[in-house]
């Protein structure tokens, strides 16, 4: 059977059993395209690069590069045939050797990491004023970041500049409710600045129904048209700041643990709070 790949007519070696071979090769540590080339050679019993390119749908320069890589790994052999380079697979037992080499290489890397670890620990001790920074991406990462807000041991005042419309799009409703319950148990009070959209104005009514009035967050608003931000800054704990980008295709966040940055962001918040309604 023939099919089209990368605007080329190719053979169906990607299908059925040969696709299983490719997946098995990937489990050994061979990357997708290299596995396709190896499987093509296995199917063809050897071939010129041009034939492999035709068979796989990969462009010729990519095939040449992959053949060199497989040759260096000892998985294929290179010879001259009719004055042209010709390739064929080596004994499949070489796959086991390749895997053994990968294990050996991983062991060497582990030993090297263990050797240099004390040096790196000493370097971190030499920079006590350097901020601690942790990154988070994807939904699970952002949920972990948010949970850091409620891991403090003592009550505190949380300050935030947020877009709750984007927040509730990003997090499941139950997660938001559970997060607010944990804030309530810890006695966390707060102030926040939101855009003046209807969704943001109804946020407290929807999620803070049973929150104690004495620590219920105070909210001020800024015109959504003039400040169309889709991010969030939270100043929390004694010395932490979290920043989240709620852009749907690229949700990322960061936690900065540093007293100077925390205090500076707090001053910026107070200036914004003064100017908000």
Protein backbone atom coordinates (compact mmCIF):
# COMPACT_ATOMS: atom_id res chain seq x y z
CA UNK A 1 0.00 0.00 0.00
CA UNK A 2 1.17 3.56 -0.72
CA UNK A 3 0.47 6.75 1.22
CA UNK A 4 1.56 10.38 1.16
CA UNK A 5 3.95 11.88 3.75
CA UNK A 6 5.67 15.28 3.47
CA UNK A 7 4.23 15.59 -0.07
CA UNK A 8 5.92 12.32 -1.11
CA UNK A 9 4.41 9.00 -2.12
CA UNK A 10 5.73 6.46 0.41
CA UNK A 11 5.33 2.82 1.22
CA UNK A 12 3.23 1.67 4.16
CA UNK A 13 6.02 0.45 6.40
CA UNK A 14 4.77 2.84 9.08
CA UNK A 15 1.63 0.77 9.42
CA UNK A 16 0.79 -2.29 11.53
CA UNK A 17 3.72 -4.50 12.55
CA UNK A 18 6.45 -2.09 11.43
CA UNK A 19 4.96 0.68 13.50
CA UNK A 20 5.28 -1.66 16.48
CA UNK A 21 8.96 -2.14 15.61
CA UNK A 22 9.45 1.63 15.62
CA UNK A 23 7.80 1.92 19.05
CA UNK A 24 10.04 -0.86 20.39
CA UNK A 25 13.14 0.90 19.08
CA UNK A 26 12.05 4.13 20.75
CA UNK A 27 11.79 2.28 24.07
CA UNK A 28 15.44 1.24 23.64
CA UNK A 29 16.41 4.91 23.27
CA UNK A 30 16.38 5.46 19.52
CA UNK A 31 14.50 8.57 18.43
CA UNK A 32 11.47 8.50 16.12
CA UNK A 33 13.07 9.36 12.77
CA UNK A 34 16.15 7.23 13.41
CA UNK A 35 13.82 4.36 14.27
CA UNK A 36 11.97 4.88 10.97
CA UNK A 37 15.24 4.71 9.02
CA UNK A 38 16.39 1.61 10.90
CA UNK A 39 13.03 -0.09 10.30
CA UNK A 40 13.20 0.81 6.61
CA UNK A 41 16.63 -0.86 6.34
CA UNK A 42 15.26 -3.87 8.18
CA UNK A 43 12.39 -4.09 5.72
CA UNK A 44 14.47 -3.47 2.60
CA UNK A 45 17.40 -5.71 3.66
CA UNK A 46 19.68 -2.74 2.94
CA UNK A 47 19.38 0.28 0.64
CA UNK A 48 20.93 3.46 -0.77
CA UNK A 49 19.99 6.71 1.06
CA UNK A 50 17.83 7.83 -1.87
CA UNK A 51 15.80 4.64 -1.62
CA UNK A 52 15.38 5.08 2.15
CA UNK A 53 14.25 8.67 1.61
CA UNK A 54 11.66 7.48 -0.90
CA UNK A 55 10.53 4.69 1.39
CA UNK A 56 10.15 6.76 4.57
CA UNK A 57 9.12 10.13 3.18
CA UNK A 58 12.01 11.81 5.01
CA UNK A 59 14.12 14.26 3.00
CA UNK A 60 17.49 12.99 1.80
CA UNK A 61 19.68 15.26 3.96
CA UNK A 62 17.82 14.09 7.08
CA UNK A 63 18.27 10.47 6.05
CA UNK A 64 22.04 10.97 5.55
CA UNK A 65 22.36 12.53 8.99
CA UNK A 66 20.37 9.73 10.66
CA UNK A 67 22.38 7.04 8.87
CA UNK A 68 25.62 8.56 10.16
CA UNK A 69 24.20 8.61 13.71
CA UNK A 70 23.10 4.98 13.48
CA UNK A 71 26.46 4.03 12.04
CA UNK A 72 28.33 5.72 14.90
CA UNK A 73 26.14 3.82 17.35
CA UNK A 74 27.14 0.58 15.61
CA UNK A 75 23.60 -0.25 14.54
CA UNK A 76 24.08 0.04 10.76
CA UNK A 77 27.06 -0.51 8.50
CA UNK A 78 28.16 1.60 5.53
CA UNK A 79 29.71 0.21 2.33
CA UNK A 80 30.21 1.07 -1.32
CA UNK A 81 27.88 -0.55 -3.81
CA UNK A 82 27.94 0.39 -7.50
CA UNK A 83 30.08 3.39 -6.58
CA UNK A 84 27.50 4.72 -4.11
CA UNK A 85 27.06 4.56 -0.36
CA UNK A 86 24.91 1.64 0.69
CA UNK A 87 23.60 0.89 4.18
CA UNK A 88 22.38 -2.22 5.97
CA UNK A 89 21.63 -3.08 9.58
CA UNK A 90 24.20 -4.79 11.74
CA UNK A 91 23.35 -7.91 13.76
CA UNK A 92 20.31 -7.01 15.92
CA UNK A 93 22.37 -8.08 18.96
CA UNK A 94 24.00 -4.66 18.59
CA UNK A 95 20.75 -3.18 19.93
CA UNK A 96 21.46 -4.84 23.26
CA UNK A 97 25.00 -3.47 23.21
CA UNK A 98 23.64 -0.02 22.42
CA UNK A 99 21.28 -0.23 25.42
CA UNK A 100 24.13 -1.41 27.66
CA UNK A 101 26.22 1.58 26.53
CA UNK A 102 23.33 3.90 27.41
CA UNK A 103 23.19 2.40 30.92
CA UNK A 104 26.96 2.77 31.30
CA UNK A 105 26.78 6.39 30.12
CA UNK A 106 23.96 7.12 32.58
CA UNK A 107 26.02 5.59 35.41
CA UNK A 108 29.00 7.78 34.49
CA UNK A 109 26.80 10.89 34.44
CA UNK A 110 25.40 9.98 37.85
CA UNK A 111 28.91 9.54 39.30
CA UNK A 112 30.01 12.86 37.80
CA UNK A 113 26.94 14.61 39.24
CA UNK A 114 27.68 13.15 42.67
CA UNK A 115 31.30 14.36 42.43
CA UNK A 116 30.43 17.95 41.55
CA UNK A 117 27.46 18.25 43.93
CA UNK A 118 29.54 19.41 46.94
CA UNK A 119 31.12 22.15 44.80
CA UNK A 120 27.74 23.42 43.66
CA UNK A 121 26.39 23.38 47.21
CA UNK A 122 29.33 25.50 48.31
CA UNK A 123 28.65 27.95 45.48
CA UNK A 124 25.06 28.38 46.61
CA UNK A 125 26.28 29.13 50.15
CA UNK A 126 28.46 31.91 48.77
CA UNK A 127 25.37 33.72 47.41
CA UNK A 128 23.03 34.05 50.41
CA UNK A 129 21.27 37.11 48.97
CA UNK A 130 20.34 35.47 45.69
CA UNK A 131 16.54 35.08 45.34
CA UNK A 132 15.12 31.58 45.30
CA UNK A 133 13.12 31.10 42.13
CA UNK A 134 10.84 28.21 41.24
CA UNK A 135 9.07 27.82 37.91
CA UNK A 136 5.76 26.14 37.15
CA UNK A 137 4.00 25.35 33.90
CA UNK A 138 0.86 23.53 32.87
CA UNK A 139 -2.20 23.11 35.08
CA UNK A 140 -0.57 20.81 37.66
CA UNK A 141 2.37 23.19 38.04
CA UNK A 142 0.11 26.21 38.56
CA UNK A 143 -2.01 24.30 41.08
CA UNK A 144 1.15 23.48 43.03
CA UNK A 145 2.14 27.16 42.87
CA UNK A 146 -1.28 28.21 44.20
CA UNK A 147 -1.07 25.69 47.03
CA UNK A 148 2.14 27.38 48.20
CA UNK A 149 -0.06 30.34 49.22
CA UNK A 150 -1.74 28.19 51.89
CA UNK A 151 1.33 26.36 53.20
CA UNK A 152 2.41 29.22 55.44
CA UNK A 153 2.39 28.40 59.17
CA UNK A 154 0.92 31.69 60.38
CA UNK A 155 -1.93 33.95 59.22
CA UNK A 156 -0.90 36.85 56.99
CA UNK A 157 -2.36 39.48 54.65
CA UNK A 158 -2.36 38.33 51.03
CA UNK A 159 -2.12 41.08 48.40
CA UNK A 160 -3.01 40.43 44.78
CA UNK A 161 -3.54 41.95 41.37
CA UNK A 162 -5.57 39.42 39.44
CA UNK A 163 -8.02 38.68 36.66
CA UNK A 164 -10.49 36.25 38.22
CA UNK A 165 -12.20 35.62 34.90
CA UNK A 166 -8.97 34.08 33.59
CA UNK A 167 -8.32 32.41 36.95
CA UNK A 168 -11.64 30.54 36.92
CA UNK A 169 -11.08 29.52 33.29
CA UNK A 170 -7.73 27.99 34.22
CA UNK A 171 -8.49 26.18 37.48
CA UNK A 172 -11.31 23.69 38.17
CA UNK A 173 -14.07 25.20 40.33
CA UNK A 174 -13.54 22.61 43.08
CA UNK A 175 -9.85 23.45 43.28
CA UNK A 176 -10.65 27.16 43.73
CA UNK A 177 -13.24 26.35 46.42
CA UNK A 178 -10.85 24.06 48.30
CA UNK A 179 -8.10 26.69 48.07
CA UNK A 180 -10.38 29.34 49.60
CA UNK A 181 -11.43 26.92 52.37
CA UNK A 182 -7.76 26.44 53.26
CA UNK A 183 -7.27 30.23 53.32
CA UNK A 184 -10.22 30.48 55.73
CA UNK A 185 -8.80 27.81 58.05
CA UNK A 186 -5.46 29.62 58.15
CA UNK A 187 -7.13 32.97 58.80
CA UNK A 188 -5.63 34.61 55.71
CA UNK A 189 -7.01 38.10 55.10
CA UNK A 190 -6.35 39.99 51.92
CA UNK A 191 -6.72 42.88 49.54
CA UNK A 192 -6.95 42.57 45.76
CA UNK A 193 -7.26 44.67 42.64
CA UNK A 194 -9.48 43.31 39.86
CA UNK A 195 -10.67 44.57 36.46
CA UNK A 196 -14.17 46.03 36.70
CA UNK A 197 -15.81 43.29 34.60
CA UNK A 198 -19.07 41.67 35.76
CA UNK A 199 -17.31 38.32 36.28
CA UNK A 200 -14.69 39.88 38.54
CA UNK A 201 -17.30 41.85 40.47
CA UNK A 202 -19.21 38.64 41.25
CA UNK A 203 -16.13 36.62 42.25
CA UNK A 204 -16.53 37.17 46.02
CA UNK A 205 -20.24 36.37 45.92
CA UNK A 206 -19.57 33.10 44.10
CA UNK A 207 -16.56 31.77 46.03
CA UNK A 208 -16.41 33.61 49.39
CA UNK A 209 -19.99 33.05 50.62
CA UNK A 210 -19.04 31.58 54.00
CA UNK A 211 -15.77 33.43 54.51
CA UNK A 212 -15.51 35.22 57.90
CA UNK A 213 -16.30 38.92 57.47
CA UNK A 214 -13.38 40.05 59.61
CA UNK A 215 -10.90 38.56 57.13
CA UNK A 216 -13.01 38.80 53.96
CA UNK A 217 -10.79 40.19 51.15
CA UNK A 218 -11.19 43.86 50.34
CA UNK A 219 -11.51 44.50 46.60
CA UNK A 220 -10.85 47.56 44.48
CA UNK A 221 -11.29 47.80 40.73
CA UNK A 222 -9.53 49.28 37.72
CA UNK A 223 -11.09 49.86 34.29
CA UNK A 224 -10.80 46.64 32.29
CA UNK A 225 -10.52 48.60 29.03
CA UNK A 226 -7.43 50.47 30.22
CA UNK A 227 -5.83 47.54 32.06
CA UNK A 228 -6.56 44.41 29.96
CA UNK A 229 -4.11 42.19 31.84
CA UNK A 230 -4.44 38.38 31.90
CA UNK A 231 -1.90 37.77 34.61
CA UNK A 232 -1.78 37.60 38.37
CA UNK A 233 0.67 38.85 40.99
CA UNK A 234 0.28 37.57 44.54
CA UNK A 235 2.35 38.93 47.43
CA UNK A 236 2.17 36.45 50.29
CA UNK A 237 3.82 34.99 53.35
CA UNK A 238 6.75 36.87 54.81
CA UNK A 239 8.92 37.11 51.70
CA UNK A 240 7.27 35.49 48.65
CA UNK A 241 5.77 36.69 45.39
CA UNK A 242 4.07 34.52 42.77
CA UNK A 243 3.41 35.60 39.19
CA UNK A 244 1.15 33.69 36.81
CA UNK A 245 0.50 34.15 33.10
CA UNK A 246 -3.04 32.92 32.43
CA UNK A 247 -2.61 32.90 28.65
CA UNK A 248 -4.42 29.69 27.75
CA UNK A 249 -1.84 28.19 25.36
CA UNK A 250 1.15 29.04 27.50
CA UNK A 251 0.22 28.90 31.19
CA UNK A 252 3.36 29.54 33.19
CA UNK A 253 4.16 30.78 36.66
CA UNK A 254 7.03 31.63 38.97
CA UNK A 255 7.56 31.90 42.72
CA UNK A 256 10.20 34.36 43.91
CA UNK A 257 11.36 34.06 47.50
CA UNK A 258 13.24 37.21 48.42
CA UNK A 259 12.63 39.84 51.09
CA UNK A 260 13.69 42.84 48.99
CA UNK A 261 11.53 41.87 46.00
CA UNK A 262 8.61 41.05 48.30
CA UNK A 263 8.81 44.46 50.00
CA UNK A 264 9.19 46.29 46.68
CA UNK A 265 6.13 44.52 45.19
CA UNK A 266 4.20 45.38 48.32
CA UNK A 267 5.02 49.08 47.84
CA UNK A 268 3.94 48.87 44.17
CA UNK A 269 0.67 47.24 45.25
CA UNK A 270 0.01 50.02 47.78
CA UNK A 271 0.47 52.64 45.06
CA UNK A 272 -1.93 50.75 42.78
CA UNK A 273 -4.39 50.31 45.66
CA UNK A 274 -4.43 54.07 46.26
CA UNK A 275 -5.32 54.72 42.62
CA UNK A 276 -7.98 51.99 42.28
CA UNK A 277 -11.71 52.43 42.98
